[in-house]
Amino acid sequence: MTKRADIGVLARFGLYLIGMTFVTGLTAPAARPVTSAVSTTVVTHARIRLLPGDLPLAGYFDLANQGARSVVLIAASSPAFRKVEIHRSMEEGGMSSMVPVQRLGIRAGAILRFSPGGYHLMLVRRVKPLRIGDTVPVILKFTGAAPLRVMFRVNGADSE
């Protein structure tokens, strides 16, 4: 087989994998766990709260560390957004604030909830418009665990 034929086979296989990921993301229930093949980090309830215009969006999910060692979430990215940051909302003295989080440790056996009023992903500058029901890939990056690709479902602004 020539190099050109090898590239064609690889391209078709890549399209097949993308198609399977797309179909799986649309048909999978929202609470279906996503687990890395090498890691024991598990994500459930992955969702994005859609806001109008080009406002930043928030990503919420439950992150479980089912391993025997602590892991540290250090970053997130998505091809659907130009920038993804880990944030924490807090209330202090009657004032609400939001701060970026550089590293977030998850003890062995612990579950960390990313939810309104607490930890969340700040998804900034959409690459293309999103609609309710769309699915968006997000890559979570760790120390102590393999990266984890998660499909987030886009929900309305009134959802939790």
Protein backbone atom coordinates (compact mmCIF):
# COMPACT_ATOMS: atom_id res chain seq x y z
CA MET A 1 0.00 0.00 0.00
CA THR A 2 1.30 3.47 -0.83
CA LYS A 3 1.62 6.34 1.64
CA ARG A 4 -1.32 8.07 -0.10
CA ALA A 5 -3.48 4.96 0.40
CA ASP A 6 -2.38 4.74 4.05
CA ILE A 7 -3.48 8.35 4.60
CA GLY A 8 -6.83 7.62 2.96
CA VAL A 9 -7.42 4.64 5.24
CA LEU A 10 -6.43 6.66 8.30
CA ALA A 11 -8.68 9.55 7.24
CA ARG A 12 -11.68 7.22 6.79
CA PHE A 13 -10.99 5.60 10.17
CA GLY A 14 -10.75 9.05 11.79
CA LEU A 15 -14.08 10.08 10.24
CA TYR A 16 -15.60 6.82 11.47
CA LEU A 17 -14.40 7.53 15.04
CA ILE A 18 -15.71 11.11 14.88
CA GLY A 19 -19.05 9.84 13.58
CA MET A 20 -19.29 7.22 16.32
CA THR A 21 -18.44 9.84 18.96
CA PHE A 22 -21.11 12.16 17.55
CA VAL A 23 -23.76 9.43 17.48
CA THR A 24 -22.83 8.21 20.96
CA GLY A 25 -22.99 11.73 22.33
CA LEU A 26 -26.49 12.25 20.93
CA THR A 27 -27.92 8.96 22.09
CA ALA A 28 -26.21 8.61 25.48
CA PRO A 29 -28.21 9.57 28.55
CA ALA A 30 -26.96 12.72 30.29
CA ALA A 31 -25.93 10.80 33.42
CA ARG A 32 -23.88 8.16 31.57
CA PRO A 33 -20.41 8.03 33.16
CA VAL A 34 -17.38 8.84 31.03
CA THR A 35 -14.18 7.12 32.12
CA SER A 36 -10.67 7.36 30.79
CA ALA A 37 -9.32 4.04 29.53
CA VAL A 38 -6.15 4.51 31.59
CA SER A 39 -7.52 6.47 34.53
CA THR A 40 -10.12 6.02 37.22
CA THR A 41 -11.57 9.52 36.96
CA VAL A 42 -15.26 9.44 36.06
CA VAL A 43 -17.51 12.30 34.92
CA THR A 44 -21.31 12.26 35.13
CA HIS A 45 -24.03 14.85 34.53
CA ALA A 46 -21.86 16.92 32.13
CA ARG A 47 -23.87 19.93 30.96
CA ILE A 48 -23.48 23.50 29.75
CA ARG A 49 -25.89 26.30 30.61
CA LEU A 50 -26.60 28.21 27.36
CA LEU A 51 -26.82 31.99 27.57
CA PRO A 52 -27.71 34.41 24.74
CA GLY A 53 -25.25 36.18 22.48
CA ASP A 54 -21.56 35.78 23.12
CA LEU A 55 -21.80 35.70 26.92
CA PRO A 56 -19.45 33.22 28.60
CA LEU A 57 -21.10 29.90 29.42
CA ALA A 58 -20.75 27.68 32.48
CA GLY A 59 -20.00 23.96 32.41
CA TYR A 60 -21.15 21.75 35.28
CA PHE A 61 -20.50 18.08 36.06
CA ASP A 62 -19.67 15.60 38.81
CA LEU A 63 -16.07 14.39 38.89
CA ALA A 64 -15.33 11.19 40.80
CA ASN A 65 -11.87 9.89 41.57
CA GLN A 66 -12.33 6.13 41.85
CA GLY A 67 -8.61 5.48 42.09
CA ALA A 68 -6.37 4.76 45.06
CA ARG A 69 -4.41 8.04 44.72
CA SER A 70 -5.34 11.70 44.62
CA VAL A 71 -5.50 13.42 41.24
CA VAL A 72 -5.27 17.12 40.40
CA LEU A 73 -7.38 18.83 37.75
CA ILE A 74 -5.05 21.38 36.15
CA ALA A 75 -6.79 22.55 32.97
CA ALA A 76 -9.64 22.12 30.52
CA SER A 77 -10.01 22.85 26.82
CA SER A 78 -12.58 22.51 24.06
CA PRO A 79 -12.52 22.92 20.29
CA ALA A 80 -15.92 24.64 20.64
CA PHE A 81 -14.49 27.55 22.69
CA ARG A 82 -11.42 29.73 22.35
CA LYS A 83 -10.80 29.63 26.10
CA VAL A 84 -11.84 27.34 28.97
CA GLU A 85 -11.01 28.14 32.59
CA ILE A 86 -11.74 26.46 35.92
CA HIS A 87 -13.51 28.90 38.26
CA ARG A 88 -15.07 29.00 41.69
CA SER A 89 -17.97 31.23 42.70
CA MET A 90 -17.97 32.36 46.32
CA GLU A 91 -19.98 34.59 48.58
CA GLU A 92 -18.22 36.55 51.29
CA GLY A 93 -19.72 39.29 53.41
CA GLY A 94 -22.82 39.41 51.22
CA MET A 95 -20.71 39.95 48.08
CA SER A 96 -20.47 37.37 45.31
CA SER A 97 -17.19 36.84 43.49
CA MET A 98 -15.67 34.45 41.01
CA VAL A 99 -12.01 33.44 41.05
CA PRO A 100 -9.93 31.34 38.64
CA VAL A 101 -8.61 28.04 40.01
CA GLN A 102 -5.21 26.83 38.81
CA ARG A 103 -5.18 23.40 40.48
CA LEU A 104 -7.99 21.42 42.05
CA GLY A 105 -7.14 18.28 44.04
CA ILE A 106 -9.56 15.35 44.25
CA ARG A 107 -8.80 12.81 46.97
CA ALA A 108 -9.01 9.08 46.26
CA GLY A 109 -12.63 7.97 46.48
CA ALA A 110 -13.97 11.56 46.48
CA ILE A 111 -16.59 13.19 44.25
CA LEU A 112 -16.26 16.86 43.37
CA ARG A 113 -19.41 18.59 42.11
CA PHE A 114 -19.13 21.42 39.62
CA SER A 115 -22.44 23.25 40.17
CA PRO A 116 -24.00 26.73 40.20
CA GLY A 117 -22.59 28.78 43.07
CA GLY A 118 -19.42 26.69 43.31
CA TYR A 119 -16.84 25.22 40.96
CA HIS A 120 -17.57 25.44 37.23
CA LEU A 121 -15.87 25.63 33.86
CA MET A 122 -15.98 29.11 32.32
CA LEU A 123 -16.38 28.61 28.56
CA VAL A 124 -15.41 31.75 26.67
CA ARG A 125 -15.84 32.87 23.05
CA ARG A 126 -17.78 30.19 21.19
CA VAL A 127 -16.27 29.09 17.90
CA LYS A 128 -19.76 28.67 16.40
CA PRO A 129 -23.32 29.20 17.65
CA LEU A 130 -24.71 26.53 19.98
CA ARG A 131 -28.29 25.33 20.42
CA ILE A 132 -30.06 23.50 23.21
CA GLY A 133 -29.51 19.78 22.69
CA ASP A 134 -26.07 20.13 21.07
CA THR A 135 -23.15 18.19 22.52
CA VAL A 136 -19.73 19.76 23.01
CA PRO A 137 -16.42 17.96 23.66
CA VAL A 138 -14.34 19.14 26.62
CA ILE A 139 -10.94 17.73 27.54
CA LEU A 140 -10.12 17.66 31.26
CA LYS A 141 -6.38 17.54 32.04
CA PHE A 142 -4.92 16.11 35.24
CA THR A 143 -1.73 15.34 37.06
CA GLY A 144 -1.95 11.81 38.41
CA ALA A 145 -4.47 10.72 35.75
CA ALA A 146 -4.83 10.58 31.98
CA PRO A 147 -6.68 13.38 30.13
CA LEU A 148 -10.40 12.76 29.92
CA ARG A 149 -12.58 13.68 26.92
CA VAL A 150 -16.17 14.36 27.98
CA MET A 151 -19.22 15.23 25.90
CA PHE A 152 -21.21 18.06 27.53
CA ARG A 153 -24.89 18.49 26.65
CA VAL A 154 -26.09 22.06 26.01
CA ASN A 155 -29.10 22.93 28.20
CA GLY A 156 -31.24 26.04 28.55
CA ALA A 157 -30.30 28.96 30.81
CA ASP A 158 -32.95 27.93 33.37
CA SER A 159 -31.38 24.50 33.96
CA GLU A 160 -29.16 23.59 36.90
